[in-house]
Amino acid sequence: MNKPHCEPIEDAQSISDLFKWLQEKAGQYELKYLLAHAEDGVIWGDFRGKNFQLITSGDDDVFPQLAKLRLCTLQQCRIFGQNAEVMLWKIGQDNWKARLIKDDNNPKRLEPLDESQILWGTQKEEEKNGFTLVSDGSQGLKHGVPLMNISFSQDKNKLHRPIRLKVRHYIDYDDSGVARIYLSRLVDLTTKEEEND
């Protein structure tokens, strides 16, 4: 059957150095961004240079007040780019699973469905080391996205959210011909302005 390549990654059980493991996978599959959910918050990351060095939103030289990427508090993370995504998630107390989705076997008869999801962030707090700390409305919810020069509305009453997360859904048909989303992955992080170019 013509479907994207989706397979488990076997070495996830033996992760001892999280940054090293993520950087190796990012280099192997040419991935750009990290989105992690931990017990203490959301963590964004950006892989830089030929060695795919991982810089995260909570690093000391970015926004040290934000959550740190640590194996002991991590629940799940996705590292992603234009052609693939690696997802790592926790099972039970200390067990890890990972899987890879690649577009290298994408069916020609079925185009994947790309969706642009709007992310929190109505105002810019600060820009630092390739990241922008954004907050949202009166709740003051904050996260540091690996984007710079984001255009926000000057009107504080206007809840304009310019940050977008591109998600790719893969469509499959059951035996009766009914279409369904059977797999989804993250593809890119952009702004509304970039999306319209």
C-alpha atoms as a PDB file:
ATOM      1  CA  MET A   1       0.000   0.000   0.000  1.00  0.00           C
ATOM      2  CA  ASN A   2       1.309   3.476  -0.858  1.00  0.00           C
ATOM      3  CA  LYS A   3       1.685   5.203   2.501  1.00  0.00           C
ATOM      4  CA  PRO A   4       4.336   7.397   4.078  1.00  0.00           C
ATOM      5  CA  HIS A   5       7.140   5.514   5.742  1.00  0.00           C
ATOM      6  CA  CYS A   6       6.240   5.032   9.437  1.00  0.00           C
ATOM      7  CA  GLU A   7       8.344   2.844  11.708  1.00  0.00           C
ATOM      8  CA  PRO A   8       9.418   2.469  15.331  1.00  0.00           C
ATOM      9  CA  ILE A   9      12.887   3.635  16.339  1.00  0.00           C
ATOM     10  CA  GLU A  10      14.436   0.880  18.403  1.00  0.00           C
ATOM     11  CA  ASP A  11      17.205   2.768  20.236  1.00  0.00           C
ATOM     12  CA  ALA A  12      14.746   4.923  22.241  1.00  0.00           C
ATOM     13  CA  GLN A  13      14.857   2.444  25.152  1.00  0.00           C
ATOM     14  CA  SER A  14      18.526   3.198  25.785  1.00  0.00           C
ATOM     15  CA  ILE A  15      18.483   7.013  25.868  1.00  0.00           C
ATOM     16  CA  SER A  16      20.904   8.325  28.473  1.00  0.00           C
ATOM     17  CA  ASP A  17      21.899  11.633  26.857  1.00  0.00           C
ATOM     18  CA  LEU A  18      18.697  13.235  25.525  1.00  0.00           C
ATOM     19  CA  PHE A  19      20.388  16.134  23.695  1.00  0.00           C
ATOM     20  CA  LYS A  20      22.842  13.805  21.948  1.00  0.00           C
ATOM     21  CA  TRP A  21      20.063  11.407  20.887  1.00  0.00           C
ATOM     22  CA  LEU A  22      17.894  14.239  19.524  1.00  0.00           C
ATOM     23  CA  GLN A  23      20.823  15.863  17.685  1.00  0.00           C
ATOM     24  CA  GLU A  24      21.757  12.527  16.075  1.00  0.00           C
ATOM     25  CA  LYS A  25      18.179  11.991  14.857  1.00  0.00           C
ATOM     26  CA  ALA A  26      17.926  15.598  13.628  1.00  0.00           C
ATOM     27  CA  GLY A  27      21.134  15.158  11.625  1.00  0.00           C
ATOM     28  CA  GLN A  28      20.121  11.757  10.291  1.00  0.00           C
ATOM     29  CA  TYR A  29      16.747  13.008   8.976  1.00  0.00           C
ATOM     30  CA  GLU A  30      17.622  16.726   8.466  1.00  0.00           C
ATOM     31  CA  LEU A  31      15.110  18.044  11.011  1.00  0.00           C
ATOM     32  CA  LYS A  32      14.813  21.716  11.996  1.00  0.00           C
ATOM     33  CA  TYR A  33      12.593  22.161  15.081  1.00  0.00           C
ATOM     34  CA  LEU A  34      11.718  20.565  18.417  1.00  0.00           C
ATOM     35  CA  LEU A  35       8.409  20.835  20.257  1.00  0.00           C
ATOM     36  CA  ALA A  36       8.409  19.160  23.682  1.00  0.00           C
ATOM     37  CA  HIS A  37       5.829  18.839  26.421  1.00  0.00           C
ATOM     38  CA  ALA A  38       7.236  18.375  29.907  1.00  0.00           C
ATOM     39  CA  GLU A  39       5.758  18.313  33.399  1.00  0.00           C
ATOM     40  CA  ASP A  40       6.838  21.919  33.865  1.00  0.00           C
ATOM     41  CA  GLY A  41       5.907  23.425  30.486  1.00  0.00           C
ATOM     42  CA  VAL A  42       6.210  23.608  26.715  1.00  0.00           C
ATOM     43  CA  ILE A  43       9.715  23.685  25.238  1.00  0.00           C
ATOM     44  CA  TRP A  44      10.646  24.785  21.724  1.00  0.00           C
ATOM     45  CA  GLY A  45      13.968  24.027  20.112  1.00  0.00           C
ATOM     46  CA  ASP A  46      15.966  24.803  17.003  1.00  0.00           C
ATOM     47  CA  PHE A  47      18.713  22.618  15.452  1.00  0.00           C
ATOM     48  CA  ARG A  48      21.596  24.750  14.147  1.00  0.00           C
ATOM     49  CA  GLY A  49      24.664  24.262  11.993  1.00  0.00           C
ATOM     50  CA  LYS A  50      26.232  21.221  10.368  1.00  0.00           C
ATOM     51  CA  ASN A  51      26.311  19.341  13.678  1.00  0.00           C
ATOM     52  CA  PHE A  52      22.601  20.079  14.365  1.00  0.00           C
ATOM     53  CA  GLN A  53      23.302  21.671  17.750  1.00  0.00           C
ATOM     54  CA  LEU A  54      20.069  21.877  19.733  1.00  0.00           C
ATOM     55  CA  ILE A  55      19.212  25.262  21.268  1.00  0.00           C
ATOM     56  CA  THR A  56      16.047  25.309  23.405  1.00  0.00           C
ATOM     57  CA  SER A  57      13.771  28.068  24.645  1.00  0.00           C
ATOM     58  CA  GLY A  58      14.727  27.400  28.275  1.00  0.00           C
ATOM     59  CA  ASP A  59      18.504  27.525  27.767  1.00  0.00           C
ATOM     60  CA  ASP A  60      20.443  29.921  30.002  1.00  0.00           C
ATOM     61  CA  ASP A  61      21.354  32.152  27.037  1.00  0.00           C
ATOM     62  CA  VAL A  62      17.760  32.239  25.734  1.00  0.00           C
ATOM     63  CA  PHE A  63      14.926  32.436  28.315  1.00  0.00           C
ATOM     64  CA  PRO A  64      16.137  30.719  31.511  1.00  0.00           C
ATOM     65  CA  GLN A  65      12.790  31.356  33.227  1.00  0.00           C
ATOM     66  CA  LEU A  66      11.129  28.827  30.873  1.00  0.00           C
ATOM     67  CA  ALA A  67      11.045  25.034  31.281  1.00  0.00           C
ATOM     68  CA  LYS A  68      14.276  23.120  30.659  1.00  0.00           C
ATOM     69  CA  LEU A  69      14.525  20.089  28.381  1.00  0.00           C
ATOM     70  CA  ARG A  70      15.300  17.220  30.759  1.00  0.00           C
ATOM     71  CA  LEU A  71      14.680  13.501  30.425  1.00  0.00           C
ATOM     72  CA  CYS A  72      13.320  13.317  33.992  1.00  0.00           C
ATOM     73  CA  THR A  73      10.409  15.740  33.311  1.00  0.00           C
ATOM     74  CA  LEU A  74       9.823  15.067  29.601  1.00  0.00           C
ATOM     75  CA  GLN A  75       6.472  13.553  28.611  1.00  0.00           C
ATOM     76  CA  GLN A  76       6.830  13.655  24.828  1.00  0.00           C
ATOM     77  CA  CYS A  77       8.663  15.542  22.114  1.00  0.00           C
ATOM     78  CA  ARG A  78       8.615  15.835  18.365  1.00  0.00           C
ATOM     79  CA  ILE A  79      11.529  16.876  16.205  1.00  0.00           C
ATOM     80  CA  PHE A  80      10.429  17.755  12.712  1.00  0.00           C
ATOM     81  CA  GLY A  81      11.217  19.241   9.326  1.00  0.00           C
ATOM     82  CA  GLN A  82       9.957  19.319   5.759  1.00  0.00           C
ATOM     83  CA  ASN A  83      10.428  15.601   5.040  1.00  0.00           C
ATOM     84  CA  ALA A  84      10.143  13.786   8.372  1.00  0.00           C
ATOM     85  CA  GLU A  85       9.211  13.764  12.059  1.00  0.00           C
ATOM     86  CA  VAL A  86      10.610  11.776  14.975  1.00  0.00           C
ATOM     87  CA  MET A  87       8.308  11.498  17.981  1.00  0.00           C
ATOM     88  CA  LEU A  88       9.574  10.355  21.391  1.00  0.00           C
ATOM     89  CA  TRP A  89       7.175   9.613  24.233  1.00  0.00           C
ATOM     90  CA  LYS A  90       7.248   8.194  27.732  1.00  0.00           C
ATOM     91  CA  ILE A  91       5.566   4.893  28.609  1.00  0.00           C
ATOM     92  CA  GLY A  92       5.185   4.241  32.326  1.00  0.00           C
ATOM     93  CA  GLN A  93       7.886   5.373  34.735  1.00  0.00           C
ATOM     94  CA  ASP A  94      11.128   5.185  32.723  1.00  0.00           C
ATOM     95  CA  ASN A  95      10.352   3.525  29.397  1.00  0.00           C
ATOM     96  CA  TRP A  96      10.602   5.379  26.094  1.00  0.00           C
ATOM     97  CA  LYS A  97       9.223   4.713  22.635  1.00  0.00           C
ATOM     98  CA  ALA A  98       9.954   6.552  19.404  1.00  0.00           C
ATOM     99  CA  ARG A  99       8.702   6.479  15.849  1.00  0.00           C
ATOM    100  CA  LEU A 100       9.664   8.023  12.526  1.00  0.00           C
ATOM    101  CA  ILE A 101       7.346   9.310   9.780  1.00  0.00           C
ATOM    102  CA  LYS A 102       8.990  10.126   6.435  1.00  0.00           C
ATOM    103  CA  ASP A 103       7.419  11.375   3.225  1.00  0.00           C
ATOM    104  CA  ASP A 104       9.668   9.275   0.977  1.00  0.00           C
ATOM    105  CA  ASN A 105       6.873   6.846   0.048  1.00  0.00           C
ATOM    106  CA  ASN A 106       4.033   9.331  -0.242  1.00  0.00           C
ATOM    107  CA  PRO A 107       1.278   8.127  -2.575  1.00  0.00           C
ATOM    108  CA  LYS A 108       0.916  10.079  -5.806  1.00  0.00           C
ATOM    109  CA  ARG A 109      -2.825   9.532  -5.998  1.00  0.00           C
ATOM    110  CA  LEU A 110      -3.407  10.953  -2.515  1.00  0.00           C
ATOM    111  CA  GLU A 111      -2.043  14.365  -1.649  1.00  0.00           C
ATOM    112  CA  PRO A 112      -1.523  14.819   2.062  1.00  0.00           C
ATOM    113  CA  LEU A 113      -3.697  17.444   3.682  1.00  0.00           C
ATOM    114  CA  ASP A 114      -1.657  20.294   5.211  1.00  0.00           C
ATOM    115  CA  GLU A 115      -3.250  22.298   8.015  1.00  0.00           C
ATOM    116  CA  SER A 116      -1.987  25.530   9.497  1.00  0.00           C
ATOM    117  CA  GLN A 117      -2.689  25.617  13.240  1.00  0.00           C
ATOM    118  CA  ILE A 118      -2.726  28.951  15.057  1.00  0.00           C
ATOM    119  CA  LEU A 119      -0.487  29.050  18.142  1.00  0.00           C
ATOM    120  CA  TRP A 120      -0.743  31.150  21.308  1.00  0.00           C
ATOM    121  CA  GLY A 121       0.951  34.508  21.230  1.00  0.00           C
ATOM    122  CA  THR A 122      -0.687  37.914  20.812  1.00  0.00           C
ATOM    123  CA  GLN A 123       2.274  40.052  21.885  1.00  0.00           C
ATOM    124  CA  LYS A 124       6.058  39.964  21.838  1.00  0.00           C
ATOM    125  CA  GLU A 125       7.839  40.162  25.178  1.00  0.00           C
ATOM    126  CA  GLU A 126      11.481  39.818  24.067  1.00  0.00           C
ATOM    127  CA  GLU A 127      13.743  38.456  21.290  1.00  0.00           C
ATOM    128  CA  LYS A 128      16.951  36.615  22.135  1.00  0.00           C
ATOM    129  CA  ASN A 129      19.343  34.183  20.408  1.00  0.00           C
ATOM    130  CA  GLY A 130      16.936  33.346  17.567  1.00  0.00           C
ATOM    131  CA  PHE A 131      13.853  32.966  19.799  1.00  0.00           C
ATOM    132  CA  THR A 132      10.907  35.236  20.556  1.00  0.00           C
ATOM    133  CA  LEU A 133       9.196  35.135  23.945  1.00  0.00           C
ATOM    134  CA  VAL A 134       5.485  35.671  23.319  1.00  0.00           C
ATOM    135  CA  SER A 135       2.539  36.045  25.674  1.00  0.00           C
ATOM    136  CA  ASP A 136      -1.146  35.646  25.034  1.00  0.00           C
ATOM    137  CA  GLY A 137      -3.912  37.993  26.138  1.00  0.00           C
ATOM    138  CA  SER A 138      -4.770  38.695  29.718  1.00  0.00           C
ATOM    139  CA  GLN A 139      -3.851  35.167  30.841  1.00  0.00           C
ATOM    140  CA  GLY A 140      -0.180  35.962  30.236  1.00  0.00           C
ATOM    141  CA  LEU A 141       0.535  32.463  28.892  1.00  0.00           C
ATOM    142  CA  LYS A 142       4.125  32.480  27.584  1.00  0.00           C
ATOM    143  CA  HIS A 143       6.337  30.369  25.371  1.00  0.00           C
ATOM    144  CA  GLY A 144       9.543  30.990  23.452  1.00  0.00           C
ATOM    145  CA  VAL A 145       9.296  30.136  19.755  1.00  0.00           C
ATOM    146  CA  PRO A 146      12.390  29.737  17.543  1.00  0.00           C
ATOM    147  CA  LEU A 147      11.367  32.579  15.201  1.00  0.00           C
ATOM    148  CA  MET A 148      12.394  36.242  15.042  1.00  0.00           C
ATOM    149  CA  ASN A 149      10.887  39.448  13.623  1.00  0.00           C
ATOM    150  CA  ILE A 150       7.286  38.352  14.139  1.00  0.00           C
ATOM    151  CA  SER A 151       4.705  41.042  13.261  1.00  0.00           C
ATOM    152  CA  PHE A 152       2.218  41.571  16.078  1.00  0.00           C
ATOM    153  CA  SER A 153      -0.715  43.980  16.186  1.00  0.00           C
ATOM    154  CA  GLN A 154       0.002  47.278  17.955  1.00  0.00           C
ATOM    155  CA  ASP A 155      -3.570  47.265  19.275  1.00  0.00           C
ATOM    156  CA  LYS A 156      -3.471  45.388  22.617  1.00  0.00           C
ATOM    157  CA  ASN A 157      -7.236  44.774  22.383  1.00  0.00           C
ATOM    158  CA  LYS A 158      -6.866  42.938  19.070  1.00  0.00           C
ATOM    159  CA  LEU A 159      -6.030  39.290  19.674  1.00  0.00           C
ATOM    160  CA  HIS A 160      -3.980  38.702  16.504  1.00  0.00           C
ATOM    161  CA  ARG A 161      -1.997  35.438  16.710  1.00  0.00           C
ATOM    162  CA  PRO A 162       0.557  35.351  13.850  1.00  0.00           C
ATOM    163  CA  ILE A 163       2.474  32.137  14.718  1.00  0.00           C
ATOM    164  CA  ARG A 164       1.522  29.006  12.767  1.00  0.00           C
ATOM    165  CA  LEU A 165       2.389  25.325  13.121  1.00  0.00           C
ATOM    166  CA  LYS A 166       2.092  23.397   9.867  1.00  0.00           C
ATOM    167  CA  VAL A 167       0.652  19.906  10.397  1.00  0.00           C
ATOM    168  CA  ARG A 168       0.440  17.268   7.658  1.00  0.00           C
ATOM    169  CA  HIS A 169      -2.419  14.757   7.775  1.00  0.00           C
ATOM    170  CA  TYR A 170      -2.247  11.587   5.699  1.00  0.00           C
ATOM    171  CA  ILE A 171      -5.547  10.343   4.289  1.00  0.00           C
ATOM    172  CA  ASP A 172      -6.476   6.684   3.955  1.00  0.00           C
ATOM    173  CA  TYR A 173      -9.665   5.021   2.704  1.00  0.00           C
ATOM    174  CA  ASP A 174     -11.403   2.085   4.315  1.00  0.00           C
ATOM    175  CA  ASP A 175     -12.909  -0.804   2.309  1.00  0.00           C
ATOM    176  CA  SER A 176     -16.155   1.133   1.781  1.00  0.00           C
ATOM    177  CA  GLY A 177     -14.293   4.166   0.377  1.00  0.00           C
ATOM    178  CA  VAL A 178     -14.681   6.437   3.400  1.00  0.00           C
ATOM    179  CA  ALA A 179     -11.701   8.761   3.874  1.00  0.00           C
ATOM    180  CA  ARG A 180     -10.085   9.203   7.282  1.00  0.00           C
ATOM    181  CA  ILE A 181      -6.948  10.726   8.737  1.00  0.00           C
ATOM    182  CA  TYR A 182      -4.791   7.759   9.735  1.00  0.00           C
ATOM    183  CA  LEU A 183      -1.545   9.584  10.551  1.00  0.00           C
ATOM    184  CA  SER A 184      -0.410  13.159  11.264  1.00  0.00           C
ATOM    185  CA  ARG A 185       2.953  14.828  11.752  1.00  0.00           C
ATOM    186  CA  LEU A 186       4.481  18.276  12.299  1.00  0.00           C
ATOM    187  CA  VAL A 187       6.169  19.901   9.304  1.00  0.00           C
ATOM    188  CA  ASP A 188       7.130  23.545   9.923  1.00  0.00           C
ATOM    189  CA  LEU A 189       6.846  26.601  12.161  1.00  0.00           C
ATOM    190  CA  THR A 190       6.026  29.882  10.396  1.00  0.00           C
ATOM    191  CA  THR A 191       4.184  33.171  10.743  1.00  0.00           C
ATOM    192  CA  LYS A 192       0.991  34.221   8.998  1.00  0.00           C
ATOM    193  CA  GLU A 193       3.020  36.583   6.804  1.00  0.00           C
ATOM    194  CA  GLU A 194       5.386  33.792   5.638  1.00  0.00           C
ATOM    195  CA  GLU A 195       2.409  31.568   4.986  1.00  0.00           C
ATOM    196  CA  ASN A 196       0.940  34.123   2.556  1.00  0.00           C
ATOM    197  CA  ASP A 197       4.184  34.507   0.522  1.00  0.00           C
END
